[in-house]
Amino acid sequence: MRFGVQMFISRRSRYLISFILCALLFAPSSIVLAQDIEAEEYRQSEAVKQRYPDPAVAFSTPGFAPGKTDFTSHDEMMAFLHQLHGQADNMSLRILGYSQEGRAIPLLVFSNSGRFAAADLLQLDRPVVFLQGLQHGNEPAGGDAMLALAQDLAAGPLRPLLDKISVLIVPRCNPDGAHYFTRDTPRRIDINRDHTRWIQKFGLLQFWDLMIYATNPNVPSALTETAEKLFRRPLIADIERSGYSHFWYYTTSYNLQDKRVSMGGTAPDIGRNTSGLQNAISFVVESRGVGIGRESYGRRVHTHYTAITSILRSTADMATRLCAWCLKRALA
């Protein structure tokens, strides 16, 4: 399960959200719908499941409705967002566009200032945190984590952070892939370009609750150092405090015969690298769980929630320092 986070903290940068919208023409008949998760083939043993208990946290997003046996549908997500928007005075709900199958791609803008236009957010001289979830349609935990975060930013414990930062959320970047419960779009477009196929290649699941990647040798060293000291280290502390395991992000090729494993690539078209090259502090965080349906789902969602909340709090705590640091770099 994957989400991406970017922090645009340069007051001189354009207000730019950089991601790829899906372009779809057809849905192959062999695709399994998200609601038909009984088609999942891999099941964890009881001994393994006992190592990954769900946390004592009660989510109220659609994916955790009483008796729910599948994942949040697109209609359920949109109804949830419209209801939240109707109750929140610090949230703007916009539709960025539509997938080729006609599903809306919403953008949520959060600010306690009551100002939501791009130019107005820049004039606030506050860091802007951009979150995007469910880039891969068969990775639902990131999407539900985005809805839980939106709920807590609107009227929950995270709302005070919006006095110091602005937050943008695209909760579902790949709505058609989510509908068919496929990693790619029906036209086989990988919105984030790459991911790991551990079950197919190794017959194993990931051990780590979270894998985190925030560096690239092509990104300016000062940006990497800032990401490491001010964000990754507190993030790791928060993850460990919550009892979750973590490791550096690593991946493998699509070739099932190639057993090599390496850290994330350096290609500029990968989401986190594109953001880093645009002078944004950028993280990718992935949780275990692809291919196991709803098993350990609460834990998977909560690991995302914990990681993102850590980054939001760090950004708010250092908002003035971050903006001053960016201004100094811009004037250098």
C-alpha atoms as a PDB file:
ATOM      1  CA  MET A   1       0.000   0.000   0.000  1.00  0.00           C
ATOM      2  CA  ARG A   2       1.546   3.258  -1.040  1.00  0.00           C
ATOM      3  CA  PHE A   3       1.107   6.938  -0.455  1.00  0.00           C
ATOM      4  CA  GLY A   4       3.246   9.872  -1.508  1.00  0.00           C
ATOM      5  CA  VAL A   5       3.909  13.023   0.447  1.00  0.00           C
ATOM      6  CA  GLN A   6       5.510  16.220  -0.764  1.00  0.00           C
ATOM      7  CA  MET A   7       6.261  19.429   1.117  1.00  0.00           C
ATOM      8  CA  PHE A   8       6.382  22.550  -1.024  1.00  0.00           C
ATOM      9  CA  ILE A   9       8.059  25.050   1.254  1.00  0.00           C
ATOM     10  CA  SER A  10       9.530  27.599  -1.105  1.00  0.00           C
ATOM     11  CA  ARG A  11       7.495  30.807  -1.265  1.00  0.00           C
ATOM     12  CA  ARG A  12       9.013  31.497  -4.682  1.00  0.00           C
ATOM     13  CA  SER A  13       7.992  28.191  -6.190  1.00  0.00           C
ATOM     14  CA  ARG A  14       4.924  27.842  -8.343  1.00  0.00           C
ATOM     15  CA  TYR A  15       1.932  26.275  -6.672  1.00  0.00           C
ATOM     16  CA  LEU A  16       2.162  23.058  -8.625  1.00  0.00           C
ATOM     17  CA  ILE A  17       0.722  19.639  -7.944  1.00  0.00           C
ATOM     18  CA  SER A  18       2.633  17.164 -10.032  1.00  0.00           C
ATOM     19  CA  PHE A  19       1.117  13.763 -10.641  1.00  0.00           C
ATOM     20  CA  ILE A  20      -0.245  11.710 -13.495  1.00  0.00           C
ATOM     21  CA  LEU A  21      -3.975  11.375 -13.950  1.00  0.00           C
ATOM     22  CA  CYS A  22      -5.175   8.095 -15.343  1.00  0.00           C
ATOM     23  CA  ALA A  23      -6.372   7.846 -18.931  1.00  0.00           C
ATOM     24  CA  LEU A  24      -8.555   4.796 -19.486  1.00  0.00           C
ATOM     25  CA  LEU A  25     -10.418   3.398 -22.467  1.00  0.00           C
ATOM     26  CA  PHE A  26     -11.609  -0.067 -21.508  1.00  0.00           C
ATOM     27  CA  ALA A  27     -11.701  -2.608 -18.697  1.00  0.00           C
ATOM     28  CA  PRO A  28     -10.489  -6.117 -19.602  1.00  0.00           C
ATOM     29  CA  SER A  29     -13.086  -8.718 -18.691  1.00  0.00           C
ATOM     30  CA  SER A  30     -10.559 -10.710 -16.669  1.00  0.00           C
ATOM     31  CA  ILE A  31     -10.133  -7.982 -14.027  1.00  0.00           C
ATOM     32  CA  VAL A  32     -11.437  -8.758 -10.529  1.00  0.00           C
ATOM     33  CA  LEU A  33     -13.605  -6.060  -8.960  1.00  0.00           C
ATOM     34  CA  ALA A  34     -12.502  -4.545  -5.662  1.00  0.00           C
ATOM     35  CA  GLN A  35     -15.679  -5.808  -4.034  1.00  0.00           C
ATOM     36  CA  ASP A  36     -14.833  -9.397  -4.971  1.00  0.00           C
ATOM     37  CA  ILE A  37     -11.871  -9.779  -2.646  1.00  0.00           C
ATOM     38  CA  GLU A  38     -12.705 -13.456  -2.074  1.00  0.00           C
ATOM     39  CA  ALA A  39     -10.775 -13.995  -5.326  1.00  0.00           C
ATOM     40  CA  GLU A  40      -7.541 -13.301  -3.427  1.00  0.00           C
ATOM     41  CA  GLU A  41      -5.374 -16.419  -3.495  1.00  0.00           C
ATOM     42  CA  TYR A  42      -2.852 -15.738  -0.723  1.00  0.00           C
ATOM     43  CA  ARG A  43      -3.744 -16.111   2.940  1.00  0.00           C
ATOM     44  CA  GLN A  44      -1.437 -15.560   5.870  1.00  0.00           C
ATOM     45  CA  SER A  45      -1.099 -18.365   8.379  1.00  0.00           C
ATOM     46  CA  GLU A  46      -2.529 -17.807  11.850  1.00  0.00           C
ATOM     47  CA  ALA A  47       0.998 -17.659  13.272  1.00  0.00           C
ATOM     48  CA  VAL A  48       1.888 -14.846  10.873  1.00  0.00           C
ATOM     49  CA  LYS A  49      -1.332 -12.919  11.467  1.00  0.00           C
ATOM     50  CA  GLN A  50      -0.674 -12.960  15.210  1.00  0.00           C
ATOM     51  CA  ARG A  51       2.516 -10.977  14.571  1.00  0.00           C
ATOM     52  CA  TYR A  52       0.524  -8.157  12.943  1.00  0.00           C
ATOM     53  CA  PRO A  53      -2.419  -7.380  15.244  1.00  0.00           C
ATOM     54  CA  ASP A  54      -4.642  -4.418  14.481  1.00  0.00           C
ATOM     55  CA  PRO A  55      -4.174  -1.401  16.762  1.00  0.00           C
ATOM     56  CA  ALA A  56      -6.710  -0.271  19.334  1.00  0.00           C
ATOM     57  CA  VAL A  57      -7.912   2.451  16.977  1.00  0.00           C
ATOM     58  CA  ALA A  58     -11.455   2.798  15.658  1.00  0.00           C
ATOM     59  CA  PHE A  59     -11.677   4.328  12.178  1.00  0.00           C
ATOM     60  CA  SER A  60     -15.023   5.624  10.941  1.00  0.00           C
ATOM     61  CA  THR A  61     -14.221   5.829   7.245  1.00  0.00           C
ATOM     62  CA  PRO A  62     -16.371   3.814   4.789  1.00  0.00           C
ATOM     63  CA  GLY A  63     -13.868   0.962   4.662  1.00  0.00           C
ATOM     64  CA  PHE A  64     -14.481   0.274   8.359  1.00  0.00           C
ATOM     65  CA  ALA A  65     -18.273   0.441   8.392  1.00  0.00           C
ATOM     66  CA  PRO A  66     -19.885  -2.287  10.536  1.00  0.00           C
ATOM     67  CA  GLY A  67     -20.086  -5.542   8.626  1.00  0.00           C
ATOM     68  CA  LYS A  68     -17.884  -4.257   5.787  1.00  0.00           C
ATOM     69  CA  THR A  69     -16.214  -7.126   3.934  1.00  0.00           C
ATOM     70  CA  ASP A  70     -14.789  -5.275   0.944  1.00  0.00           C
ATOM     71  CA  PHE A  71     -12.984  -1.968   0.431  1.00  0.00           C
ATOM     72  CA  THR A  72     -14.256   1.597   0.084  1.00  0.00           C
ATOM     73  CA  SER A  73     -16.029   2.030  -3.247  1.00  0.00           C
ATOM     74  CA  HIS A  74     -15.754   5.188  -5.304  1.00  0.00           C
ATOM     75  CA  ASP A  75     -19.333   6.191  -4.558  1.00  0.00           C
ATOM     76  CA  GLU A  76     -18.785   5.620  -0.830  1.00  0.00           C
ATOM     77  CA  MET A  77     -15.662   7.776  -0.909  1.00  0.00           C
ATOM     78  CA  MET A  78     -17.397  10.631  -2.731  1.00  0.00           C
ATOM     79  CA  ALA A  79     -20.389  10.535  -0.364  1.00  0.00           C
ATOM     80  CA  PHE A  80     -18.026  10.611   2.610  1.00  0.00           C
ATOM     81  CA  LEU A  81     -16.130  13.603   1.202  1.00  0.00           C
ATOM     82  CA  HIS A  82     -19.266  15.580   0.374  1.00  0.00           C
ATOM     83  CA  GLN A  83     -20.613  14.992   3.870  1.00  0.00           C
ATOM     84  CA  LEU A  84     -17.294  16.033   5.413  1.00  0.00           C
ATOM     85  CA  HIS A  85     -17.171  19.138   3.226  1.00  0.00           C
ATOM     86  CA  GLY A  86     -20.657  20.124   4.335  1.00  0.00           C
ATOM     87  CA  GLN A  87     -19.566  19.999   7.970  1.00  0.00           C
ATOM     88  CA  ALA A  88     -16.097  21.578   7.759  1.00  0.00           C
ATOM     89  CA  ASP A  89     -15.353  25.288   7.474  1.00  0.00           C
ATOM     90  CA  ASN A  90     -11.628  24.723   6.898  1.00  0.00           C
ATOM     91  CA  MET A  91     -11.915  22.463   3.852  1.00  0.00           C
ATOM     92  CA  SER A  92     -12.440  23.018   0.157  1.00  0.00           C
ATOM     93  CA  LEU A  93     -13.523  20.152  -2.107  1.00  0.00           C
ATOM     94  CA  ARG A  94     -12.652  20.423  -5.782  1.00  0.00           C
ATOM     95  CA  ILE A  95     -12.787  18.012  -8.686  1.00  0.00           C
ATOM     96  CA  LEU A  96      -9.486  17.990 -10.551  1.00  0.00           C
ATOM     97  CA  GLY A  97     -10.972  16.069 -13.451  1.00  0.00           C
ATOM     98  CA  TYR A  98     -12.415  12.709 -14.377  1.00  0.00           C
ATOM     99  CA  SER A  99     -10.966   9.383 -15.387  1.00  0.00           C
ATOM    100  CA  GLN A 100     -11.837   8.210 -18.860  1.00  0.00           C
ATOM    101  CA  GLU A 101     -14.447   5.941 -17.315  1.00  0.00           C
ATOM    102  CA  GLY A 102     -16.012   9.028 -15.764  1.00  0.00           C
ATOM    103  CA  ARG A 103     -14.989   8.758 -12.103  1.00  0.00           C
ATOM    104  CA  ALA A 104     -14.244  12.026 -10.331  1.00  0.00           C
ATOM    105  CA  ILE A 105     -10.751  12.726  -8.991  1.00  0.00           C
ATOM    106  CA  PRO A 106     -11.237  14.939  -5.915  1.00  0.00           C
ATOM    107  CA  LEU A 107      -8.771  17.349  -4.334  1.00  0.00           C
ATOM    108  CA  LEU A 108      -9.174  18.400  -0.705  1.00  0.00           C
ATOM    109  CA  VAL A 109      -7.611  21.681   0.433  1.00  0.00           C
ATOM    110  CA  PHE A 110      -7.320  22.306   4.178  1.00  0.00           C
ATOM    111  CA  SER A 111      -6.504  25.635   5.839  1.00  0.00           C
ATOM    112  CA  ASN A 112      -7.791  27.280   9.007  1.00  0.00           C
ATOM    113  CA  SER A 113      -7.354  30.629   7.276  1.00  0.00           C
ATOM    114  CA  GLY A 114     -10.538  30.099   5.280  1.00  0.00           C
ATOM    115  CA  ARG A 115      -8.528  30.804   2.109  1.00  0.00           C
ATOM    116  CA  PHE A 116      -8.225  27.979  -0.379  1.00  0.00           C
ATOM    117  CA  ALA A 117      -7.127  29.462  -3.720  1.00  0.00           C
ATOM    118  CA  ALA A 118      -3.569  28.692  -4.803  1.00  0.00           C
ATOM    119  CA  ALA A 119      -2.437  32.321  -4.732  1.00  0.00           C
ATOM    120  CA  ASP A 120      -3.980  32.847  -1.292  1.00  0.00           C
ATOM    121  CA  LEU A 121      -2.224  29.798   0.168  1.00  0.00           C
ATOM    122  CA  LEU A 122       1.117  31.080  -1.072  1.00  0.00           C
ATOM    123  CA  GLN A 123       0.483  34.485   0.497  1.00  0.00           C
ATOM    124  CA  LEU A 124       0.046  32.800   3.870  1.00  0.00           C
ATOM    125  CA  ASP A 125       3.790  32.033   3.758  1.00  0.00           C
ATOM    126  CA  ARG A 126       3.215  28.609   5.279  1.00  0.00           C
ATOM    127  CA  PRO A 127       4.504  25.200   4.222  1.00  0.00           C
ATOM    128  CA  VAL A 128       2.130  23.309   1.939  1.00  0.00           C
ATOM    129  CA  VAL A 129       1.967  19.525   2.400  1.00  0.00           C
ATOM    130  CA  PHE A 130       0.603  17.522  -0.528  1.00  0.00           C
ATOM    131  CA  LEU A 131      -0.625  13.956   0.077  1.00  0.00           C
ATOM    132  CA  GLN A 132      -1.733  11.500  -2.578  1.00  0.00           C
ATOM    133  CA  GLY A 133      -3.143   8.051  -1.979  1.00  0.00           C
ATOM    134  CA  LEU A 134      -4.162   4.944  -3.878  1.00  0.00           C
ATOM    135  CA  GLN A 135      -1.911   5.449  -6.882  1.00  0.00           C
ATOM    136  CA  HIS A 136      -2.129   1.702  -7.357  1.00  0.00           C
ATOM    137  CA  GLY A 137      -5.690   0.437  -7.417  1.00  0.00           C
ATOM    138  CA  ASN A 138      -5.006  -2.727  -5.432  1.00  0.00           C
ATOM    139  CA  GLU A 139      -3.407  -0.818  -2.525  1.00  0.00           C
ATOM    140  CA  PRO A 140      -6.468   0.430  -0.619  1.00  0.00           C
ATOM    141  CA  ALA A 141      -4.895   1.136   2.797  1.00  0.00           C
ATOM    142  CA  GLY A 142      -3.353   4.410   1.620  1.00  0.00           C
ATOM    143  CA  GLY A 143      -6.740   5.580   0.369  1.00  0.00           C
ATOM    144  CA  ASP A 144      -8.523   4.888   3.638  1.00  0.00           C
ATOM    145  CA  ALA A 145      -5.680   6.550   5.547  1.00  0.00           C
ATOM    146  CA  MET A 146      -6.236   9.707   3.483  1.00  0.00           C
ATOM    147  CA  LEU A 147      -9.920   9.738   4.432  1.00  0.00           C
ATOM    148  CA  ALA A 148      -9.083   9.290   8.119  1.00  0.00           C
ATOM    149  CA  LEU A 149      -6.579  12.139   7.916  1.00  0.00           C
ATOM    150  CA  ALA A 150      -9.121  14.365   6.177  1.00  0.00           C
ATOM    151  CA  GLN A 151     -11.609  13.666   8.938  1.00  0.00           C
ATOM    152  CA  ASP A 152      -9.123  14.606  11.668  1.00  0.00           C
ATOM    153  CA  LEU A 153      -7.913  17.699   9.838  1.00  0.00           C
ATOM    154  CA  ALA A 154     -11.481  18.921   9.371  1.00  0.00           C
ATOM    155  CA  ALA A 155     -12.678  18.596  12.947  1.00  0.00           C
ATOM    156  CA  GLY A 156     -10.358  16.321  14.896  1.00  0.00           C
ATOM    157  CA  PRO A 157      -7.012  16.337  16.709  1.00  0.00           C
ATOM    158  CA  LEU A 158      -5.058  17.423  13.624  1.00  0.00           C
ATOM    159  CA  ARG A 159      -7.067  20.605  13.004  1.00  0.00           C
ATOM    160  CA  PRO A 160      -4.746  22.891  15.089  1.00  0.00           C
ATOM    161  CA  LEU A 161      -1.866  22.047  12.728  1.00  0.00           C
ATOM    162  CA  LEU A 162      -3.673  24.026  10.027  1.00  0.00           C
ATOM    163  CA  ASP A 163      -2.865  27.259  11.847  1.00  0.00           C
ATOM    164  CA  LYS A 164       0.725  26.750  10.693  1.00  0.00           C
ATOM    165  CA  ILE A 165       0.523  24.670   7.513  1.00  0.00           C
ATOM    166  CA  SER A 166      -1.787  24.044   4.566  1.00  0.00           C
ATOM    167  CA  VAL A 167      -2.590  20.488   3.486  1.00  0.00           C
ATOM    168  CA  LEU A 168      -3.725  19.212   0.084  1.00  0.00           C
ATOM    169  CA  ILE A 169      -5.002  15.651  -0.333  1.00  0.00           C
ATOM    170  CA  VAL A 170      -5.814  13.623  -3.434  1.00  0.00           C
ATOM    171  CA  PRO A 171      -7.246  10.568  -1.683  1.00  0.00           C
ATOM    172  CA  ARG A 172      -7.623   8.400  -4.788  1.00  0.00           C
ATOM    173  CA  CYS A 173      -5.334   9.039  -7.743  1.00  0.00           C
ATOM    174  CA  ASN A 174      -6.364   5.911  -9.632  1.00  0.00           C
ATOM    175  CA  PRO A 175     -10.169   5.565  -9.252  1.00  0.00           C
ATOM    176  CA  ASP A 176     -10.638   3.152 -12.143  1.00  0.00           C
ATOM    177  CA  GLY A 177      -7.815   0.902 -10.976  1.00  0.00           C
ATOM    178  CA  ALA A 178      -9.412   0.950  -7.521  1.00  0.00           C
ATOM    179  CA  HIS A 179     -12.762  -0.069  -9.010  1.00  0.00           C
ATOM    180  CA  TYR A 180     -11.226  -3.081 -10.748  1.00  0.00           C
ATOM    181  CA  PHE A 181      -8.754  -3.720  -7.916  1.00  0.00           C
ATOM    182  CA  THR A 182      -5.739  -3.666 -10.231  1.00  0.00           C
ATOM    183  CA  ARG A 183      -2.377  -2.063  -9.656  1.00  0.00           C
ATOM    184  CA  ASP A 184      -2.372  -0.318 -13.033  1.00  0.00           C
ATOM    185  CA  THR A 185      -5.116   1.389 -14.951  1.00  0.00           C
ATOM    186  CA  PRO A 186      -7.091  -0.862 -17.339  1.00  0.00           C
ATOM    187  CA  ARG A 187      -4.740   0.345 -20.096  1.00  0.00           C
ATOM    188  CA  ARG A 188      -1.815  -1.000 -18.040  1.00  0.00           C
ATOM    189  CA  ILE A 189      -0.491   2.425 -17.065  1.00  0.00           C
ATOM    190  CA  ASP A 190       1.414   2.389 -13.778  1.00  0.00           C
ATOM    191  CA  ILE A 191       0.714   5.793 -12.243  1.00  0.00           C
ATOM    192  CA  ASN A 192       3.732   5.600  -9.967  1.00  0.00           C
ATOM    193  CA  ARG A 193       5.708   3.515 -12.447  1.00  0.00           C
ATOM    194  CA  ASP A 194       7.060   0.743 -10.247  1.00  0.00           C
ATOM    195  CA  HIS A 195       6.308  -1.532  -7.309  1.00  0.00           C
ATOM    196  CA  THR A 196       7.339  -4.875  -5.885  1.00  0.00           C
ATOM    197  CA  ARG A 197       5.934  -8.250  -6.889  1.00  0.00           C
ATOM    198  CA  TRP A 198       7.041 -10.237  -3.872  1.00  0.00           C
ATOM    199  CA  ILE A 199       4.402 -12.983  -3.830  1.00  0.00           C
ATOM    200  CA  GLN A 200       4.784 -13.808  -7.534  1.00  0.00           C
ATOM    201  CA  LYS A 201       8.577 -13.760  -7.486  1.00  0.00           C
ATOM    202  CA  PHE A 202       9.587 -14.990  -4.046  1.00  0.00           C
ATOM    203  CA  GLY A 203       6.452 -16.613  -2.664  1.00  0.00           C
ATOM    204  CA  LEU A 204       6.748 -14.341   0.353  1.00  0.00           C
ATOM    205  CA  LEU A 205       5.192 -11.252   1.896  1.00  0.00           C
ATOM    206  CA  GLN A 206       7.067  -8.237   3.155  1.00  0.00           C
ATOM    207  CA  PHE A 207       8.073  -8.475   6.817  1.00  0.00           C
ATOM    208  CA  TRP A 208       8.212  -4.735   7.489  1.00  0.00           C
ATOM    209  CA  ASP A 209       5.119  -2.749   8.391  1.00  0.00           C
ATOM    210  CA  LEU A 210       6.552   0.255   6.524  1.00  0.00           C
ATOM    211  CA  MET A 211       9.304   0.902   4.035  1.00  0.00           C
ATOM    212  CA  ILE A 212      10.422   4.530   3.750  1.00  0.00           C
ATOM    213  CA  TYR A 213      12.413   6.250   1.012  1.00  0.00           C
ATOM    214  CA  ALA A 214      13.318   9.916   0.959  1.00  0.00           C
ATOM    215  CA  THR A 215      16.605  10.288  -0.860  1.00  0.00           C
ATOM    216  CA  ASN A 216      18.152  10.256  -4.299  1.00  0.00           C
ATOM    217  CA  PRO A 217      21.735  11.169  -5.267  1.00  0.00           C
ATOM    218  CA  ASN A 218      20.362  13.581  -7.894  1.00  0.00           C
ATOM    219  CA  VAL A 219      18.461  15.620  -5.294  1.00  0.00           C
ATOM    220  CA  PRO A 220      20.389  18.566  -3.758  1.00  0.00           C
ATOM    221  CA  SER A 221      22.277  17.392  -0.684  1.00  0.00           C
ATOM    222  CA  ALA A 222      20.891  20.203   1.478  1.00  0.00           C
ATOM    223  CA  LEU A 223      17.350  19.025   0.721  1.00  0.00           C
ATOM    224  CA  THR A 224      18.256  15.433   1.544  1.00  0.00           C
ATOM    225  CA  GLU A 225      19.888  16.484   4.818  1.00  0.00           C
ATOM    226  CA  THR A 226      16.813  18.489   5.789  1.00  0.00           C
ATOM    227  CA  ALA A 227      14.518  15.564   5.008  1.00  0.00           C
ATOM    228  CA  GLU A 228      16.672  13.223   7.071  1.00  0.00           C
ATOM    229  CA  LYS A 229      17.199  15.363  10.171  1.00  0.00           C
ATOM    230  CA  LEU A 230      13.904  17.197  10.428  1.00  0.00           C
ATOM    231  CA  PHE A 231      11.460  14.618   9.129  1.00  0.00           C
ATOM    232  CA  ARG A 232      12.680  11.035   8.713  1.00  0.00           C
ATOM    233  CA  ARG A 233      14.224  10.704  12.164  1.00  0.00           C
ATOM    234  CA  PRO A 234      11.098  11.935  14.001  1.00  0.00           C
ATOM    235  CA  LEU A 235       9.014   9.749  11.686  1.00  0.00           C
ATOM    236  CA  ILE A 236      11.036   6.668  12.639  1.00  0.00           C
ATOM    237  CA  ALA A 237      10.674   7.514  16.324  1.00  0.00           C
ATOM    238  CA  ASP A 238       6.895   7.815  15.964  1.00  0.00           C
ATOM    239  CA  ILE A 239       6.663   4.553  14.030  1.00  0.00           C
ATOM    240  CA  GLU A 240       8.683   2.684  16.657  1.00  0.00           C
ATOM    241  CA  ARG A 241       6.709   4.280  19.477  1.00  0.00           C
ATOM    242  CA  SER A 242       3.559   2.859  17.880  1.00  0.00           C
ATOM    243  CA  GLY A 243       5.123  -0.600  17.798  1.00  0.00           C
ATOM    244  CA  TYR A 244       5.557  -0.900  14.026  1.00  0.00           C
ATOM    245  CA  SER A 245       8.582  -2.221  12.167  1.00  0.00           C
ATOM    246  CA  HIS A 246      10.304  -0.300   9.366  1.00  0.00           C
ATOM    247  CA  PHE A 247      13.136  -0.430   6.876  1.00  0.00           C
ATOM    248  CA  TRP A 248      14.531   1.482   3.905  1.00  0.00           C
ATOM    249  CA  TYR A 249      12.397   1.116   0.806  1.00  0.00           C
ATOM    250  CA  TYR A 250      13.632  -1.497  -1.664  1.00  0.00           C
ATOM    251  CA  THR A 251      12.225  -2.970  -4.825  1.00  0.00           C
ATOM    252  CA  THR A 252      12.754  -5.564  -7.546  1.00  0.00           C
ATOM    253  CA  SER A 253      12.116  -5.789 -11.275  1.00  0.00           C
ATOM    254  CA  TYR A 254       9.066  -7.169 -13.057  1.00  0.00           C
ATOM    255  CA  ASN A 255      11.170 -10.055 -14.384  1.00  0.00           C
ATOM    256  CA  LEU A 256      10.189 -13.017 -12.197  1.00  0.00           C
ATOM    257  CA  GLN A 257      13.517 -14.712 -12.918  1.00  0.00           C
ATOM    258  CA  ASP A 258      15.547 -11.726 -11.729  1.00  0.00           C
ATOM    259  CA  LYS A 259      15.967 -12.185  -7.970  1.00  0.00           C
ATOM    260  CA  ARG A 260      17.957  -9.014  -7.382  1.00  0.00           C
ATOM    261  CA  VAL A 261      16.662  -6.484  -4.876  1.00  0.00           C
ATOM    262  CA  SER A 262      17.760  -2.855  -4.797  1.00  0.00           C
ATOM    263  CA  MET A 263      16.846   0.482  -3.277  1.00  0.00           C
ATOM    264  CA  GLY A 264      14.530   2.827  -5.156  1.00  0.00           C
ATOM    265  CA  GLY A 265      15.525   3.991  -8.612  1.00  0.00           C
ATOM    266  CA  THR A 266      16.928   7.359  -9.613  1.00  0.00           C
ATOM    267  CA  ALA A 267      14.854   7.944 -12.754  1.00  0.00           C
ATOM    268  CA  PRO A 268      13.367  11.472 -12.772  1.00  0.00           C
ATOM    269  CA  ASP A 269       9.887  10.275 -13.781  1.00  0.00           C
ATOM    270  CA  ILE A 270       9.262   8.419 -10.507  1.00  0.00           C
ATOM    271  CA  GLY A 271       6.901  10.446  -8.324  1.00  0.00           C
ATOM    272  CA  ARG A 272       9.166  11.043  -5.323  1.00  0.00           C
ATOM    273  CA  ASN A 273      12.141  11.922  -7.567  1.00  0.00           C
ATOM    274  CA  THR A 274      10.134  14.371  -9.657  1.00  0.00           C
ATOM    275  CA  SER A 275       9.122  16.157  -6.471  1.00  0.00           C
ATOM    276  CA  GLY A 276      12.667  16.188  -5.099  1.00  0.00           C
ATOM    277  CA  LEU A 277      13.990  17.696  -8.311  1.00  0.00           C
ATOM    278  CA  GLN A 278      11.362  20.438  -7.930  1.00  0.00           C
ATOM    279  CA  ASN A 279      12.854  21.422  -4.548  1.00  0.00           C
ATOM    280  CA  ALA A 280      10.208  19.605  -2.494  1.00  0.00           C
ATOM    281  CA  ILE A 281      10.945  17.368   0.469  1.00  0.00           C
ATOM    282  CA  SER A 282       9.384  14.150  -0.743  1.00  0.00           C
ATOM    283  CA  PHE A 283       8.744  10.755   0.863  1.00  0.00           C
ATOM    284  CA  VAL A 284       7.310   7.493  -0.335  1.00  0.00           C
ATOM    285  CA  VAL A 285       6.013   5.139   2.350  1.00  0.00           C
ATOM    286  CA  GLU A 286       4.805   1.633   1.596  1.00  0.00           C
ATOM    287  CA  SER A 287       3.107  -0.823   3.914  1.00  0.00           C
ATOM    288  CA  ARG A 288       2.851  -4.583   3.636  1.00  0.00           C
ATOM    289  CA  GLY A 289      -0.366  -6.123   2.427  1.00  0.00           C
ATOM    290  CA  VAL A 290      -0.610  -6.384  -1.367  1.00  0.00           C
ATOM    291  CA  GLY A 291      -2.393  -9.624  -2.165  1.00  0.00           C
ATOM    292  CA  ILE A 292      -3.909 -10.458   1.246  1.00  0.00           C
ATOM    293  CA  GLY A 293      -7.319  -8.809   1.000  1.00  0.00           C
ATOM    294  CA  ARG A 294      -8.528  -7.250   4.265  1.00  0.00           C
ATOM    295  CA  GLU A 295      -6.214  -9.191   6.560  1.00  0.00           C
ATOM    296  CA  SER A 296      -4.530  -6.896   9.112  1.00  0.00           C
ATOM    297  CA  TYR A 297      -6.260  -4.003   7.345  1.00  0.00           C
ATOM    298  CA  GLY A 298      -6.670  -1.794  10.402  1.00  0.00           C
ATOM    299  CA  ARG A 299      -2.966  -2.093  11.121  1.00  0.00           C
ATOM    300  CA  ARG A 300      -2.053  -1.292   7.540  1.00  0.00           C
ATOM    301  CA  VAL A 301      -4.217   1.840   7.496  1.00  0.00           C
ATOM    302  CA  HIS A 302      -2.942   2.943  10.893  1.00  0.00           C
ATOM    303  CA  THR A 303       0.719   2.651   9.873  1.00  0.00           C
ATOM    304  CA  HIS A 304       0.032   5.111   7.053  1.00  0.00           C
ATOM    305  CA  TYR A 305      -1.926   7.370   9.367  1.00  0.00           C
ATOM    306  CA  THR A 306       0.912   7.345  11.915  1.00  0.00           C
ATOM    307  CA  ALA A 307       3.583   8.144   9.325  1.00  0.00           C
ATOM    308  CA  ILE A 308       1.648  10.986   7.712  1.00  0.00           C
ATOM    309  CA  THR A 309       0.651  12.482  11.048  1.00  0.00           C
ATOM    310  CA  SER A 310       4.321  12.530  12.063  1.00  0.00           C
ATOM    311  CA  ILE A 311       5.237  14.452   8.928  1.00  0.00           C
ATOM    312  CA  LEU A 312       2.365  16.903   9.379  1.00  0.00           C
ATOM    313  CA  ARG A 313       3.342  17.604  12.997  1.00  0.00           C
ATOM    314  CA  SER A 314       7.019  18.037  12.110  1.00  0.00           C
ATOM    315  CA  THR A 315       6.081  20.486   9.355  1.00  0.00           C
ATOM    316  CA  ALA A 316       3.833  22.505  11.671  1.00  0.00           C
ATOM    317  CA  ASP A 317       6.422  22.545  14.476  1.00  0.00           C
ATOM    318  CA  MET A 318       9.081  23.907  12.121  1.00  0.00           C
ATOM    319  CA  ALA A 319       6.927  25.991   9.772  1.00  0.00           C
ATOM    320  CA  THR A 320       8.721  29.287  10.402  1.00  0.00           C
ATOM    321  CA  ARG A 321      12.131  27.649  10.248  1.00  0.00           C
ATOM    322  CA  LEU A 322      11.333  25.872   6.993  1.00  0.00           C
ATOM    323  CA  CYS A 323      10.086  29.004   5.258  1.00  0.00           C
ATOM    324  CA  ALA A 324      13.144  30.959   6.410  1.00  0.00           C
ATOM    325  CA  TRP A 325      15.431  28.172   5.189  1.00  0.00           C
ATOM    326  CA  CYS A 326      13.765  28.181   1.757  1.00  0.00           C
ATOM    327  CA  LEU A 327      13.937  31.970   1.470  1.00  0.00           C
ATOM    328  CA  LYS A 328      17.636  31.893   2.314  1.00  0.00           C
ATOM    329  CA  ARG A 329      18.250  29.284  -0.405  1.00  0.00           C
ATOM    330  CA  ALA A 330      16.210  31.280  -2.918  1.00  0.00           C
ATOM    331  CA  LEU A 331      18.233  34.416  -2.272  1.00  0.00           C
ATOM    332  CA  ALA A 332      21.610  32.644  -2.285  1.00  0.00           C
END
